[in-house]
Amino acid sequence: MAGATALMTAADLTTAHAGTPAHDAGNAFSAMVRCHDPNGELYNVTFTRARVTVQSYSDDVILAKVEIWADTVPELA
């Protein structure tokens, strides 16, 4: 819980991501990142303990980019 509180109150993170932090205490772990592709498309990547989900994309190249990136992160293997 201390980690969630630290993230929720980190003003520099809120400013850097231009968002409003929210915490769902009923979920063991999740984080959603809103991404902006150079092609202009916005999409979301959600991380949970069991999976990585890509949402709201229309260009399949974005999904391929996320998959390639995820393959370079040992913790996601």
N, C-alpha and C. Protein backbone atom coordinates (compact mmCIF):
# COMPACT_ATOMS: atom_id res chain seq x y z
N MET A 1 0.82 -1.20 0.00
CA MET A 1 0.00 0.00 0.00
C MET A 1 0.86 1.26 0.00
N ALA A 2 2.02 1.19 0.64
CA ALA A 2 2.90 2.36 0.69
C ALA A 2 3.35 2.77 -0.71
N GLY A 3 3.60 1.78 -1.58
CA GLY A 3 4.00 2.09 -2.94
C GLY A 3 2.90 2.80 -3.71
N ALA A 4 1.67 2.32 -3.56
CA ALA A 4 0.54 2.95 -4.24
C ALA A 4 0.36 4.38 -3.76
N THR A 5 0.49 4.59 -2.46
CA THR A 5 0.36 5.94 -1.90
C THR A 5 1.44 6.85 -2.44
N ALA A 6 2.67 6.35 -2.53
CA ALA A 6 3.77 7.16 -3.05
C ALA A 6 3.50 7.57 -4.50
N LEU A 7 3.00 6.63 -5.31
CA LEU A 7 2.70 6.95 -6.70
C LEU A 7 1.55 7.94 -6.82
N MET A 8 0.54 7.74 -6.00
CA MET A 8 -0.64 8.61 -6.06
C MET A 8 -0.31 10.05 -5.69
N THR A 9 0.69 10.25 -4.86
CA THR A 9 1.01 11.60 -4.39
C THR A 9 2.23 12.19 -5.07
N ALA A 10 2.78 11.52 -6.06
CA ALA A 10 3.97 12.02 -6.76
C ALA A 10 3.55 13.05 -7.81
N ALA A 11 3.63 14.32 -7.42
CA ALA A 11 3.19 15.40 -8.29
C ALA A 11 3.98 15.43 -9.59
N ASP A 12 5.28 15.11 -9.54
CA ASP A 12 6.08 15.14 -10.76
C ASP A 12 5.60 14.09 -11.78
N LEU A 13 5.16 12.93 -11.31
CA LEU A 13 4.61 11.92 -12.22
C LEU A 13 3.29 12.38 -12.82
N THR A 14 2.43 12.94 -11.99
CA THR A 14 1.15 13.43 -12.49
C THR A 14 1.36 14.50 -13.55
N THR A 15 2.30 15.40 -13.30
CA THR A 15 2.59 16.47 -14.26
C THR A 15 3.20 15.90 -15.53
N ALA A 16 4.16 14.99 -15.39
CA ALA A 16 4.85 14.43 -16.56
C ALA A 16 3.90 13.67 -17.47
N HIS A 17 2.91 13.01 -16.90
CA HIS A 17 2.00 12.20 -17.69
C HIS A 17 0.67 12.88 -17.97
N ALA A 18 0.53 14.10 -17.47
CA ALA A 18 -0.68 14.89 -17.70
C ALA A 18 -1.94 14.07 -17.44
N GLY A 19 -1.94 13.40 -16.30
CA GLY A 19 -3.08 12.55 -15.99
C GLY A 19 -3.51 12.70 -14.55
N THR A 20 -4.52 11.96 -14.21
CA THR A 20 -5.03 11.94 -12.84
C THR A 20 -4.84 10.54 -12.29
N PRO A 21 -4.02 10.38 -11.26
CA PRO A 21 -3.80 9.05 -10.72
C PRO A 21 -5.05 8.49 -10.05
N ALA A 22 -5.21 7.18 -10.18
CA ALA A 22 -6.33 6.51 -9.53
C ALA A 22 -5.83 5.17 -9.02
N HIS A 23 -6.39 4.72 -7.92
CA HIS A 23 -5.98 3.45 -7.33
C HIS A 23 -7.21 2.59 -7.08
N ASP A 24 -7.20 1.40 -7.65
CA ASP A 24 -8.28 0.44 -7.45
C ASP A 24 -7.80 -0.57 -6.42
N ALA A 25 -8.16 -0.38 -5.18
CA ALA A 25 -7.68 -1.23 -4.10
C ALA A 25 -8.13 -2.68 -4.25
N GLY A 26 -9.14 -2.93 -5.06
CA GLY A 26 -9.62 -4.29 -5.25
C GLY A 26 -8.77 -5.10 -6.22
N ASN A 27 -7.88 -4.46 -6.94
CA ASN A 27 -7.04 -5.15 -7.90
C ASN A 27 -5.65 -5.32 -7.29
N ALA A 28 -5.11 -6.51 -7.32
CA ALA A 28 -3.81 -6.79 -6.71
C ALA A 28 -2.70 -5.96 -7.33
N PHE A 29 -2.70 -5.79 -8.62
CA PHE A 29 -1.71 -4.98 -9.30
C PHE A 29 -2.17 -4.71 -10.71
N SER A 30 -2.10 -3.47 -11.11
CA SER A 30 -2.28 -3.11 -12.52
C SER A 30 -1.77 -1.70 -12.72
N ALA A 31 -1.33 -1.45 -13.93
CA ALA A 31 -0.92 -0.10 -14.31
C ALA A 31 -1.30 0.08 -15.77
N MET A 32 -1.88 1.23 -16.09
CA MET A 32 -2.23 1.53 -17.47
C MET A 32 -1.44 2.74 -17.91
N VAL A 33 -0.82 2.62 -19.08
CA VAL A 33 -0.04 3.70 -19.65
C VAL A 33 -0.71 4.12 -20.95
N ARG A 34 -0.96 5.41 -21.07
CA ARG A 34 -1.52 5.92 -22.32
C ARG A 34 -0.34 6.32 -23.20
N CYS A 35 -0.30 5.77 -24.40
CA CYS A 35 0.83 5.95 -25.29
C CYS A 35 0.43 6.76 -26.53
N HIS A 36 1.40 7.50 -27.06
CA HIS A 36 1.19 8.30 -28.25
C HIS A 36 2.23 7.86 -29.28
N ASP A 37 1.78 7.18 -30.31
CA ASP A 37 2.68 6.70 -31.36
C ASP A 37 3.09 7.87 -32.26
N PRO A 38 4.29 7.81 -32.84
CA PRO A 38 4.71 8.88 -33.77
C PRO A 38 3.74 9.08 -34.94
N ASN A 39 2.93 8.05 -35.26
CA ASN A 39 1.96 8.22 -36.35
C ASN A 39 0.73 9.02 -35.92
N GLY A 40 0.70 9.41 -34.62
CA GLY A 40 -0.40 10.22 -34.11
C GLY A 40 -1.45 9.45 -33.35
N GLU A 41 -1.40 8.14 -33.44
CA GLU A 41 -2.42 7.32 -32.77
C GLU A 41 -2.17 7.22 -31.27
N LEU A 42 -3.25 7.30 -30.50
CA LEU A 42 -3.20 7.10 -29.05
C LEU A 42 -3.71 5.70 -28.74
N TYR A 43 -3.06 5.03 -27.77
CA TYR A 43 -3.50 3.71 -27.37
C TYR A 43 -3.09 3.48 -25.92
N ASN A 44 -3.62 2.46 -25.31
CA ASN A 44 -3.33 2.14 -23.91
C ASN A 44 -2.64 0.79 -23.81
N VAL A 45 -1.66 0.72 -22.90
CA VAL A 45 -1.02 -0.55 -22.56
C VAL A 45 -1.26 -0.77 -21.08
N THR A 46 -1.89 -1.89 -20.73
CA THR A 46 -2.20 -2.21 -19.34
C THR A 46 -1.35 -3.40 -18.91
N PHE A 47 -0.72 -3.25 -17.76
CA PHE A 47 0.11 -4.30 -17.18
C PHE A 47 -0.58 -4.84 -15.94
N THR A 48 -0.69 -6.14 -15.83
CA THR A 48 -1.14 -6.79 -14.60
C THR A 48 -0.09 -7.84 -14.28
N ARG A 49 -0.27 -8.53 -13.19
CA ARG A 49 0.71 -9.57 -12.84
C ARG A 49 0.70 -10.72 -13.85
N ALA A 50 -0.41 -10.91 -14.55
CA ALA A 50 -0.54 -12.05 -15.44
C ALA A 50 -0.45 -11.72 -16.93
N ARG A 51 -0.63 -10.45 -17.32
CA ARG A 51 -0.66 -10.16 -18.75
C ARG A 51 -0.38 -8.70 -19.06
N VAL A 52 -0.08 -8.48 -20.33
CA VAL A 52 0.05 -7.13 -20.89
C VAL A 52 -1.01 -7.03 -21.97
N THR A 53 -1.84 -6.00 -21.90
CA THR A 53 -2.93 -5.83 -22.84
C THR A 53 -2.77 -4.51 -23.58
N VAL A 54 -2.93 -4.54 -24.89
CA VAL A 54 -2.87 -3.32 -25.71
C VAL A 54 -4.29 -3.04 -26.15
N GLN A 55 -4.74 -1.80 -25.91
CA GLN A 55 -6.13 -1.44 -26.22
C GLN A 55 -6.19 -0.15 -27.03
N SER A 56 -7.26 -0.01 -27.75
CA SER A 56 -7.62 1.22 -28.46
C SER A 56 -6.65 1.59 -29.57
N TYR A 57 -6.08 0.61 -30.22
CA TYR A 57 -5.22 0.87 -31.37
C TYR A 57 -5.95 0.44 -32.63
N SER A 58 -5.63 1.05 -33.74
CA SER A 58 -6.24 0.62 -34.99
C SER A 58 -5.20 0.09 -35.97
N ASP A 59 -3.95 0.50 -35.82
CA ASP A 59 -2.88 0.06 -36.71
C ASP A 59 -2.17 -1.13 -36.08
N ASP A 60 -2.21 -2.28 -36.73
CA ASP A 60 -1.57 -3.48 -36.18
C ASP A 60 -0.07 -3.34 -36.00
N VAL A 61 0.54 -2.35 -36.64
CA VAL A 61 1.97 -2.08 -36.45
C VAL A 61 2.23 -1.72 -34.99
N ILE A 62 1.29 -1.05 -34.35
CA ILE A 62 1.44 -0.68 -32.94
C ILE A 62 1.51 -1.94 -32.08
N LEU A 63 0.63 -2.88 -32.31
CA LEU A 63 0.66 -4.13 -31.56
C LEU A 63 2.01 -4.84 -31.75
N ALA A 64 2.50 -4.85 -32.97
CA ALA A 64 3.79 -5.48 -33.25
C ALA A 64 4.92 -4.77 -32.50
N LYS A 65 4.88 -3.44 -32.45
CA LYS A 65 5.91 -2.68 -31.73
C LYS A 65 5.90 -3.02 -30.24
N VAL A 66 4.71 -3.11 -29.65
CA VAL A 66 4.61 -3.44 -28.23
C VAL A 66 5.10 -4.86 -27.99
N GLU A 67 4.76 -5.79 -28.86
CA GLU A 67 5.22 -7.17 -28.71
C GLU A 67 6.74 -7.26 -28.81
N ILE A 68 7.33 -6.56 -29.76
CA ILE A 68 8.79 -6.55 -29.91
C ILE A 68 9.44 -5.97 -28.66
N TRP A 69 8.89 -4.86 -28.17
CA TRP A 69 9.43 -4.24 -26.94
C TRP A 69 9.31 -5.21 -25.76
N ALA A 70 8.14 -5.81 -25.59
CA ALA A 70 7.91 -6.70 -24.44
C ALA A 70 8.88 -7.89 -24.47
N ASP A 71 9.25 -8.34 -25.65
CA ASP A 71 10.20 -9.45 -25.76
C ASP A 71 11.59 -9.07 -25.26
N THR A 72 11.88 -7.78 -25.12
CA THR A 72 13.19 -7.34 -24.63
C THR A 72 13.22 -7.15 -23.11
N VAL A 73 12.05 -7.32 -22.47
CA VAL A 73 11.94 -7.11 -21.01
C VAL A 73 11.86 -8.48 -20.33
N PRO A 74 12.95 -8.91 -19.69
CA PRO A 74 12.96 -10.25 -19.08
C PRO A 74 11.82 -10.49 -18.09
N GLU A 75 11.40 -9.49 -17.36
CA GLU A 75 10.34 -9.65 -16.37
C GLU A 75 9.00 -9.98 -17.01
N LEU A 76 8.85 -9.72 -18.30
CA LEU A 76 7.59 -10.00 -18.98
C LEU A 76 7.60 -11.36 -19.69
N ALA A 77 8.71 -12.04 -19.63
CA ALA A 77 8.82 -13.33 -20.31
C ALA A 77 7.99 -14.39 -19.64
